[in-house]
PDB file of all heavy atoms in Angstrom:
ATOM      1  N   GLU A   1      -2.848  -6.074   3.105  1.00  0.00           N
ATOM      2  CA  GLU A   1      -3.194  -7.353   2.485  1.00  0.00           C
ATOM      3  C   GLU A   1      -2.578  -7.461   1.093  1.00  0.00           C
ATOM      4  O   GLU A   1      -2.007  -8.499   0.730  1.00  0.00           O
ATOM      5  CB  GLU A   1      -4.709  -7.485   2.403  1.00  0.00           C
ATOM      6  CG  GLU A   1      -5.192  -8.735   1.674  1.00  0.00           C
ATOM      7  CD  GLU A   1      -6.676  -8.690   1.368  1.00  0.00           C
ATOM      8  OE1 GLU A   1      -7.395  -7.937   2.042  1.00  0.00           O
ATOM      9  OE2 GLU A   1      -7.115  -9.383   0.426  1.00  0.00           O
ATOM     10  N   LEU A   2      -2.687  -6.390   0.300  1.00  0.00           N
ATOM     11  CA  LEU A   2      -2.115  -6.393  -1.041  1.00  0.00           C
ATOM     12  C   LEU A   2      -0.596  -6.502  -0.990  1.00  0.00           C
ATOM     13  O   LEU A   2       0.015  -7.190  -1.814  1.00  0.00           O
ATOM     14  CB  LEU A   2      -2.538  -5.130  -1.793  1.00  0.00           C
ATOM     15  CG  LEU A   2      -4.031  -5.004  -2.109  1.00  0.00           C
ATOM     16  CD1 LEU A   2      -4.335  -3.627  -2.705  1.00  0.00           C
ATOM     17  CD2 LEU A   2      -4.488  -6.094  -3.069  1.00  0.00           C
ATOM     18  N   ALA A   3       0.033  -5.829  -0.026  1.00  0.00           N
ATOM     19  CA  ALA A   3       1.488  -5.892   0.128  1.00  0.00           C
ATOM     20  C   ALA A   3       1.940  -7.308   0.474  1.00  0.00           C
ATOM     21  O   ALA A   3       2.959  -7.793  -0.038  1.00  0.00           O
ATOM     22  CB  ALA A   3       1.946  -4.908   1.200  1.00  0.00           C
ATOM     23  N   LYS A   4       1.173  -7.977   1.338  1.00  0.00           N
ATOM     24  CA  LYS A   4       1.492  -9.352   1.718  1.00  0.00           C
ATOM     25  C   LYS A   4       1.390 -10.280   0.513  1.00  0.00           C
ATOM     26  O   LYS A   4       2.256 -11.127   0.289  1.00  0.00           O
ATOM     27  CB  LYS A   4       0.552  -9.806   2.829  1.00  0.00           C
ATOM     28  CG  LYS A   4       0.866 -11.182   3.397  1.00  0.00           C
ATOM     29  CD  LYS A   4      -0.072 -11.508   4.559  1.00  0.00           C
ATOM     30  CE  LYS A   4       0.246 -12.890   5.138  1.00  0.00           C
ATOM     31  NZ  LYS A   4      -0.690 -13.215   6.274  1.00  0.00           N
ATOM     32  N   ARG A   5       0.338 -10.103  -0.280  1.00  0.00           N
ATOM     33  CA  ARG A   5       0.167 -10.917  -1.480  1.00  0.00           C
ATOM     34  C   ARG A   5       1.281 -10.644  -2.483  1.00  0.00           C
ATOM     35  O   ARG A   5       1.793 -11.550  -3.140  1.00  0.00           O
ATOM     36  CB  ARG A   5      -1.195 -10.643  -2.109  1.00  0.00           C
ATOM     37  CG  ARG A   5      -2.364 -11.199  -1.305  1.00  0.00           C
ATOM     38  CD  ARG A   5      -3.693 -10.686  -1.824  1.00  0.00           C
ATOM     39  NE  ARG A   5      -3.877 -11.013  -3.233  1.00  0.00           N
ATOM     40  CZ  ARG A   5      -4.859 -10.510  -3.985  1.00  0.00           C
ATOM     41  NH1 ARG A   5      -5.708  -9.632  -3.452  1.00  0.00           N
ATOM     42  NH2 ARG A   5      -4.969 -10.877  -5.260  1.00  0.00           N
ATOM     43  N   ALA A   6       1.669  -9.355  -2.608  1.00  0.00           N
ATOM     44  CA  ALA A   6       2.740  -8.994  -3.531  1.00  0.00           C
ATOM     45  C   ALA A   6       4.054  -9.648  -3.134  1.00  0.00           C
ATOM     46  O   ALA A   6       4.800 -10.156  -3.980  1.00  0.00           O
ATOM     47  CB  ALA A   6       2.898  -7.479  -3.585  1.00  0.00           C
ATOM     48  N   ALA A   7       4.355  -9.642  -1.837  1.00  0.00           N
ATOM     49  CA  ALA A   7       5.592 -10.259  -1.360  1.00  0.00           C
ATOM     50  C   ALA A   7       5.595 -11.759  -1.636  1.00  0.00           C
ATOM     51  O   ALA A   7       6.619 -12.339  -2.034  1.00  0.00           O
ATOM     52  CB  ALA A   7       5.756  -9.992   0.135  1.00  0.00           C
ATOM     53  N   LYS A   8       4.452 -12.408  -1.440  1.00  0.00           N
ATOM     54  CA  LYS A   8       4.339 -13.838  -1.679  1.00  0.00           C
ATOM     55  C   LYS A   8       4.528 -14.171  -3.158  1.00  0.00           C
ATOM     56  O   LYS A   8       5.238 -15.122  -3.511  1.00  0.00           O
ATOM     57  CB  LYS A   8       2.974 -14.336  -1.193  1.00  0.00           C
ATOM     58  CG  LYS A   8       2.787 -15.837  -1.265  1.00  0.00           C
ATOM     59  CD  LYS A   8       1.434 -16.237  -0.667  1.00  0.00           C
ATOM     60  CE  LYS A   8       1.248 -17.751  -0.721  1.00  0.00           C
ATOM     61  NZ  LYS A   8      -0.075 -18.144  -0.129  1.00  0.00           N
ATOM     62  N   ILE A   9       3.903 -13.384  -4.013  1.00  0.00           N
ATOM     63  CA  ILE A   9       4.018 -13.612  -5.452  1.00  0.00           C
ATOM     64  C   ILE A   9       5.445 -13.360  -5.927  1.00  0.00           C
ATOM     65  O   ILE A   9       6.000 -14.116  -6.726  1.00  0.00           O
ATOM     66  CB  ILE A   9       3.027 -12.720  -6.218  1.00  0.00           C
ATOM     67  CG1 ILE A   9       1.599 -13.164  -5.925  1.00  0.00           C
ATOM     68  CG2 ILE A   9       3.296 -12.747  -7.720  1.00  0.00           C
ATOM     69  CD1 ILE A   9       0.544 -12.215  -6.459  1.00  0.00           C
ATOM     70  N   ALA A  10       6.058 -12.277  -5.429  1.00  0.00           N
ATOM     71  CA  ALA A  10       7.425 -11.955  -5.826  1.00  0.00           C
ATOM     72  C   ALA A  10       8.396 -13.050  -5.424  1.00  0.00           C
ATOM     73  O   ALA A  10       9.307 -13.402  -6.183  1.00  0.00           O
ATOM     74  CB  ALA A  10       7.834 -10.617  -5.210  1.00  0.00           C
ATOM     75  N   LYS A  11       8.207 -13.588  -4.238  1.00  0.00           N
ATOM     76  CA  LYS A  11       9.085 -14.667  -3.770  1.00  0.00           C
ATOM     77  C   LYS A  11       8.925 -15.905  -4.635  1.00  0.00           C
ATOM     78  O   LYS A  11       9.906 -16.531  -5.041  1.00  0.00           O
ATOM     79  CB  LYS A  11       8.776 -14.991  -2.313  1.00  0.00           C
ATOM     80  CG  LYS A  11       9.679 -16.068  -1.719  1.00  0.00           C
ATOM     81  CD  LYS A  11       9.367 -16.286  -0.260  1.00  0.00           C
ATOM     82  CE  LYS A  11      10.285 -17.342   0.348  1.00  0.00           C
ATOM     83  NZ  LYS A  11       9.996 -17.563   1.791  1.00  0.00           N
ATOM     84  N   LYS A  12       7.701 -16.263  -4.919  1.00  0.00           N
ATOM     85  CA  LYS A  12       7.438 -17.447  -5.725  1.00  0.00           C
ATOM     86  C   LYS A  12       8.005 -17.301  -7.134  1.00  0.00           C
ATOM     87  O   LYS A  12       8.483 -18.264  -7.731  1.00  0.00           O
ATOM     88  CB  LYS A  12       5.929 -17.704  -5.793  1.00  0.00           C
ATOM     89  CG  LYS A  12       5.554 -18.990  -6.499  1.00  0.00           C
ATOM     90  CD  LYS A  12       4.050 -19.214  -6.445  1.00  0.00           C
ATOM     91  CE  LYS A  12       3.657 -20.507  -7.159  1.00  0.00           C
ATOM     92  NZ  LYS A  12       2.180 -20.737  -7.098  1.00  0.00           N
ATOM     93  N   GLY A  13       7.957 -16.097  -7.684  1.00  0.00           N
ATOM     94  CA  GLY A  13       8.456 -15.863  -9.031  1.00  0.00           C
ATOM     95  C   GLY A  13       9.893 -15.409  -9.083  1.00  0.00           C
ATOM     96  O   GLY A  13      10.363 -14.988 -10.147  1.00  0.00           O
ATOM     97  N   ASN A  14      10.581 -15.474  -7.952  1.00  0.00           N
ATOM     98  CA  ASN A  14      11.976 -15.038  -7.875  1.00  0.00           C
ATOM     99  C   ASN A  14      12.115 -13.582  -8.307  1.00  0.00           C
ATOM    100  O   ASN A  14      13.033 -13.193  -9.021  1.00  0.00           O
ATOM    101  CB  ASN A  14      12.871 -15.935  -8.732  1.00  0.00           C
ATOM    102  CG  ASN A  14      14.348 -15.780  -8.391  1.00  0.00           C
ATOM    103  OD1 ASN A  14      14.711 -15.442  -7.256  1.00  0.00           O
ATOM    104  ND2 ASN A  14      15.201 -16.037  -9.384  1.00  0.00           N
ATOM    105  N   LEU A  15      11.182 -12.756  -7.841  1.00  0.00           N
ATOM    106  CA  LEU A  15      11.158 -11.335  -8.161  1.00  0.00           C
ATOM    107  C   LEU A  15      11.121 -10.525  -6.874  1.00  0.00           C
ATOM    108  O   LEU A  15      10.342  -9.598  -6.713  1.00  0.00           O
ATOM    109  CB  LEU A  15       9.935 -10.999  -9.021  1.00  0.00           C
ATOM    110  CG  LEU A  15       9.806 -11.735 -10.350  1.00  0.00           C
ATOM    111  CD1 LEU A  15       8.448 -11.471 -10.966  1.00  0.00           C
ATOM    112  CD2 LEU A  15      10.907 -11.308 -11.298  1.00  0.00           C
ATOM    113  N   LEU A  16      12.018 -10.851  -5.962  1.00  0.00           N
ATOM    114  CA  LEU A  16      11.970 -10.278  -4.622  1.00  0.00           C
ATOM    115  C   LEU A  16      12.068  -8.761  -4.616  1.00  0.00           C
ATOM    116  O   LEU A  16      11.496  -8.092  -3.747  1.00  0.00           O
ATOM    117  CB  LEU A  16      13.085 -10.880  -3.762  1.00  0.00           C
ATOM    118  CG  LEU A  16      12.945 -12.376  -3.439  1.00  0.00           C
ATOM    119  CD1 LEU A  16      14.130 -12.861  -2.627  1.00  0.00           C
ATOM    120  CD2 LEU A  16      11.664 -12.627  -2.667  1.00  0.00           C
ATOM    121  N   ASP A  17      12.776  -8.195  -5.560  1.00  0.00           N
ATOM    122  CA  ASP A  17      12.963  -6.743  -5.583  1.00  0.00           C
ATOM    123  C   ASP A  17      12.072  -6.061  -6.613  1.00  0.00           C
ATOM    124  O   ASP A  17      12.272  -4.897  -6.959  1.00  0.00           O
ATOM    125  CB  ASP A  17      14.434  -6.394  -5.882  1.00  0.00           C
ATOM    126  CG  ASP A  17      15.378  -6.914  -4.807  1.00  0.00           C
ATOM    127  OD1 ASP A  17      14.971  -6.947  -3.635  1.00  0.00           O
ATOM    128  OD2 ASP A  17      16.510  -7.298  -5.164  1.00  0.00           O
ATOM    129  N   ALA A  18      11.074  -6.794  -7.114  1.00  0.00           N
ATOM    130  CA  ALA A  18      10.264  -6.255  -8.208  1.00  0.00           C
ATOM    131  C   ALA A  18       9.308  -5.175  -7.754  1.00  0.00           C
ATOM    132  O   ALA A  18       9.071  -4.206  -8.459  1.00  0.00           O
ATOM    133  CB  ALA A  18       9.483  -7.372  -8.895  1.00  0.00           C
ATOM    134  N   THR A  19       8.748  -5.309  -6.597  1.00  0.00           N
ATOM    135  CA  THR A  19       7.745  -4.338  -6.195  1.00  0.00           C
ATOM    136  C   THR A  19       7.567  -4.296  -4.687  1.00  0.00           C
ATOM    137  O   THR A  19       7.872  -5.261  -3.982  1.00  0.00           O
ATOM    138  CB  THR A  19       6.384  -4.635  -6.850  1.00  0.00           C
ATOM    139  OG1 THR A  19       5.493  -3.551  -6.590  1.00  0.00           O
ATOM    140  CG2 THR A  19       5.774  -5.923  -6.299  1.00  0.00           C
ATOM    141  N   THR A  20       7.084  -3.183  -4.217  1.00  0.00           N
ATOM    142  CA  THR A  20       6.608  -3.010  -2.844  1.00  0.00           C
ATOM    143  C   THR A  20       5.330  -2.208  -2.917  1.00  0.00           C
ATOM    144  O   THR A  20       5.123  -1.446  -3.845  1.00  0.00           O
ATOM    145  CB  THR A  20       7.637  -2.265  -1.969  1.00  0.00           C
ATOM    146  OG1 THR A  20       7.933  -0.989  -2.563  1.00  0.00           O
ATOM    147  CG2 THR A  20       8.922  -3.062  -1.833  1.00  0.00           C
ATOM    148  N   ILE A  21       4.469  -2.365  -1.944  1.00  0.00           N
ATOM    149  CA  ILE A  21       3.219  -1.614  -1.900  1.00  0.00           C
ATOM    150  C   ILE A  21       3.059  -1.070  -0.491  1.00  0.00           C
ATOM    151  O   ILE A  21       3.211  -1.806   0.484  1.00  0.00           O
ATOM    152  CB  ILE A  21       2.006  -2.493  -2.268  1.00  0.00           C
ATOM    153  CG1 ILE A  21       2.149  -3.043  -3.685  1.00  0.00           C
ATOM    154  CG2 ILE A  21       0.705  -1.693  -2.154  1.00  0.00           C
ATOM    155  CD1 ILE A  21       1.040  -4.008  -4.073  1.00  0.00           C
ATOM    156  N   GLY A  22       2.764   0.207  -0.372  1.00  0.00           N
ATOM    157  CA  GLY A  22       2.592   0.811   0.943  1.00  0.00           C
ATOM    158  C   GLY A  22       1.632   1.981   0.892  1.00  0.00           C
ATOM    159  O   GLY A  22       1.131   2.376  -0.163  1.00  0.00           O
ATOM    160  N   LEU A  23       1.362   2.558   2.059  1.00  0.00           N
ATOM    161  CA  LEU A  23       0.459   3.701   2.182  1.00  0.00           C
ATOM    162  C   LEU A  23       1.091   4.724   3.105  1.00  0.00           C
ATOM    163  O   LEU A  23       1.397   4.432   4.251  1.00  0.00           O
ATOM    164  CB  LEU A  23      -0.896   3.268   2.733  1.00  0.00           C
ATOM    165  CG  LEU A  23      -1.955   4.382   2.846  1.00  0.00           C
ATOM    166  CD1 LEU A  23      -2.429   4.784   1.452  1.00  0.00           C
ATOM    167  CD2 LEU A  23      -3.132   3.932   3.709  1.00  0.00           C
ATOM    168  N   GLU A  24       1.297   5.936   2.604  1.00  0.00           N
ATOM    169  CA  GLU A  24       1.791   7.039   3.410  1.00  0.00           C
ATOM    170  C   GLU A  24       0.630   7.942   3.784  1.00  0.00           C
ATOM    171  O   GLU A  24      -0.101   8.414   2.919  1.00  0.00           O
ATOM    172  CB  GLU A  24       2.854   7.826   2.658  1.00  0.00           C
ATOM    173  CG  GLU A  24       4.154   7.073   2.431  1.00  0.00           C
ATOM    174  CD  GLU A  24       5.201   7.926   1.736  1.00  0.00           C
ATOM    175  OE1 GLU A  24       4.873   9.099   1.386  1.00  0.00           O
ATOM    176  OE2 GLU A  24       6.331   7.439   1.535  1.00  0.00           O
ATOM    177  N   VAL A  25       0.457   8.188   5.082  1.00  0.00           N
ATOM    178  CA  VAL A  25      -0.614   9.038   5.584  1.00  0.00           C
ATOM    179  C   VAL A  25      -0.040  10.415   5.879  1.00  0.00           C
ATOM    180  O   VAL A  25       0.861  10.566   6.688  1.00  0.00           O
ATOM    181  CB  VAL A  25      -1.265   8.445   6.839  1.00  0.00           C
ATOM    182  CG1 VAL A  25      -2.395   9.350   7.328  1.00  0.00           C
ATOM    183  CG2 VAL A  25      -1.801   7.043   6.542  1.00  0.00           C
ATOM    184  N   GLY A  26      -0.589  11.428   5.213  1.00  0.00           N
ATOM    185  CA  GLY A  26      -0.057  12.771   5.337  1.00  0.00           C
ATOM    186  C   GLY A  26      -0.985  13.733   6.055  1.00  0.00           C
ATOM    187  O   GLY A  26      -1.505  13.435   7.132  1.00  0.00           O
ATOM    188  N   GLU A  27      -1.242  14.885   5.467  1.00  0.00           N
ATOM    189  CA  GLU A  27      -1.965  15.996   6.090  1.00  0.00           C
ATOM    190  C   GLU A  27      -3.376  15.604   6.552  1.00  0.00           C
ATOM    191  O   GLU A  27      -4.095  14.894   5.857  1.00  0.00           O
ATOM    192  CB  GLU A  27      -2.070  17.146   5.092  1.00  0.00           C
ATOM    193  CG  GLU A  27      -2.809  18.371   5.572  1.00  0.00           C
ATOM    194  CD  GLU A  27      -2.989  19.402   4.490  1.00  0.00           C
ATOM    195  OE1 GLU A  27      -2.574  19.127   3.345  1.00  0.00           O
ATOM    196  OE2 GLU A  27      -3.572  20.471   4.788  1.00  0.00           O
ATOM    197  N   ARG A  28      -3.748  16.086   7.742  1.00  0.00           N
ATOM    198  CA  ARG A  28      -5.107  15.936   8.260  1.00  0.00           C
ATOM    199  C   ARG A  28      -5.911  17.166   7.881  1.00  0.00           C
ATOM    200  O   ARG A  28      -5.502  18.289   8.136  1.00  0.00           O
ATOM    201  CB  ARG A  28      -5.079  15.756   9.783  1.00  0.00           C
ATOM    202  CG  ARG A  28      -6.446  15.549  10.447  1.00  0.00           C
ATOM    203  CD  ARG A  28      -6.231  15.277  11.942  1.00  0.00           C
ATOM    204  NE  ARG A  28      -7.482  15.058  12.659  1.00  0.00           N
ATOM    205  CZ  ARG A  28      -8.190  16.013  13.252  1.00  0.00           C
ATOM    206  NH1 ARG A  28      -7.765  17.272  13.200  1.00  0.00           N
ATOM    207  NH2 ARG A  28      -9.325  15.723  13.892  1.00  0.00           N
ATOM    208  N   VAL A  29      -7.088  16.970   7.258  1.00  0.00           N
ATOM    209  CA  VAL A  29      -7.893  18.065   6.731  1.00  0.00           C
ATOM    210  C   VAL A  29      -9.282  18.036   7.352  1.00  0.00           C
ATOM    211  O   VAL A  29      -9.903  16.973   7.452  1.00  0.00           O
ATOM    212  CB  VAL A  29      -8.013  17.970   5.192  1.00  0.00           C
ATOM    213  CG1 VAL A  29      -8.884  19.098   4.655  1.00  0.00           C
ATOM    214  CG2 VAL A  29      -6.643  18.018   4.547  1.00  0.00           C
ATOM    215  N   LEU A  30      -9.773  19.208   7.769  1.00  0.00           N
ATOM    216  CA  LEU A  30     -11.134  19.350   8.285  1.00  0.00           C
ATOM    217  C   LEU A  30     -11.986  20.074   7.248  1.00  0.00           C
ATOM    218  O   LEU A  30     -11.585  21.109   6.715  1.00  0.00           O
ATOM    219  CB  LEU A  30     -11.156  20.127   9.605  1.00  0.00           C
ATOM    220  CG  LEU A  30     -10.523  19.467  10.827  1.00  0.00           C
ATOM    221  CD1 LEU A  30     -10.598  20.412  12.030  1.00  0.00           C
ATOM    222  CD2 LEU A  30     -11.240  18.170  11.158  1.00  0.00           C
ATOM    223  N   GLU A  31     -13.179  19.531   6.955  1.00  0.00           N
ATOM    224  CA  GLU A  31     -14.115  20.175   6.042  1.00  0.00           C
ATOM    225  C   GLU A  31     -15.430  20.420   6.767  1.00  0.00           C
ATOM    226  O   GLU A  31     -16.035  19.491   7.297  1.00  0.00           O
ATOM    227  CB  GLU A  31     -14.347  19.323   4.803  1.00  0.00           C
ATOM    228  CG  GLU A  31     -13.172  19.254   3.875  1.00  0.00           C
ATOM    229  CD  GLU A  31     -13.495  18.577   2.573  1.00  0.00           C
ATOM    230  OE1 GLU A  31     -14.641  18.112   2.409  1.00  0.00           O
ATOM    231  OE2 GLU A  31     -12.601  18.495   1.715  1.00  0.00           O
ATOM    232  N   PRO A  32     -15.903  21.682   6.813  1.00  0.00           N
ATOM    233  CA  PRO A  32     -17.172  21.981   7.492  1.00  0.00           C
ATOM    234  C   PRO A  32     -18.326  21.192   6.885  1.00  0.00           C
ATOM    235  O   PRO A  32     -18.389  20.967   5.675  1.00  0.00           O
ATOM    236  CB  PRO A  32     -17.335  23.485   7.261  1.00  0.00           C
ATOM    237  CG  PRO A  32     -15.972  23.984   6.921  1.00  0.00           C
ATOM    238  CD  PRO A  32     -15.272  22.863   6.221  1.00  0.00           C
ATOM    239  N   SER A  33     -19.253  20.760   7.726  1.00  0.00           N
ATOM    240  CA  SER A  33     -20.416  20.009   7.277  1.00  0.00           C
ATOM    241  C   SER A  33     -21.482  20.956   6.744  1.00  0.00           C
ATOM    242  O   SER A  33     -21.620  22.089   7.201  1.00  0.00           O
ATOM    243  CB  SER A  33     -20.992  19.176   8.420  1.00  0.00           C
ATOM    244  OG  SER A  33     -22.206  18.555   8.036  1.00  0.00           O
ATOM    245  N   GLU A  34     -22.240  20.508   5.759  1.00  0.00           N
ATOM    246  CA  GLU A  34     -23.369  21.257   5.232  1.00  0.00           C
ATOM    247  C   GLU A  34     -24.697  20.683   5.708  1.00  0.00           C
ATOM    248  O   GLU A  34     -25.760  21.133   5.299  1.00  0.00           O
ATOM    249  CB  GLU A  34     -23.330  21.268   3.705  1.00  0.00           C
ATOM    250  CG  GLU A  34     -22.107  21.960   3.127  1.00  0.00           C
ATOM    251  CD  GLU A  34     -22.112  21.991   1.626  1.00  0.00           C
ATOM    252  OE1 GLU A  34     -23.026  21.402   1.033  1.00  0.00           O
ATOM    253  OE2 GLU A  34     -21.211  22.599   1.034  1.00  0.00           O
ATOM    254  N   VAL A  35     -24.637  19.677   6.580  1.00  0.00           N
ATOM    255  CA  VAL A  35     -25.835  19.021   7.084  1.00  0.00           C
ATOM    256  C   VAL A  35     -26.340  19.744   8.335  1.00  0.00           C
ATOM    257  O   VAL A  35     -25.635  19.847   9.338  1.00  0.00           O
ATOM    258  CB  VAL A  35     -25.566  17.538   7.403  1.00  0.00           C
ATOM    259  CG1 VAL A  35     -26.825  16.865   7.934  1.00  0.00           C
ATOM    260  CG2 VAL A  35     -25.067  16.812   6.165  1.00  0.00           C
TER     261      VAL A  35
END
C-alpha cells in the first residue's frame, strides 16, 4: 500500500525515480515457547 502511494506521489510530482519501497523476506526462525 505504501509503495503504491509512493509511486502515485512520485508521478504527480515528476519524481519517478525518487524512491521505491519494498519488503525482502529472509531467514525463517523458530523460537521455543515458554507457555
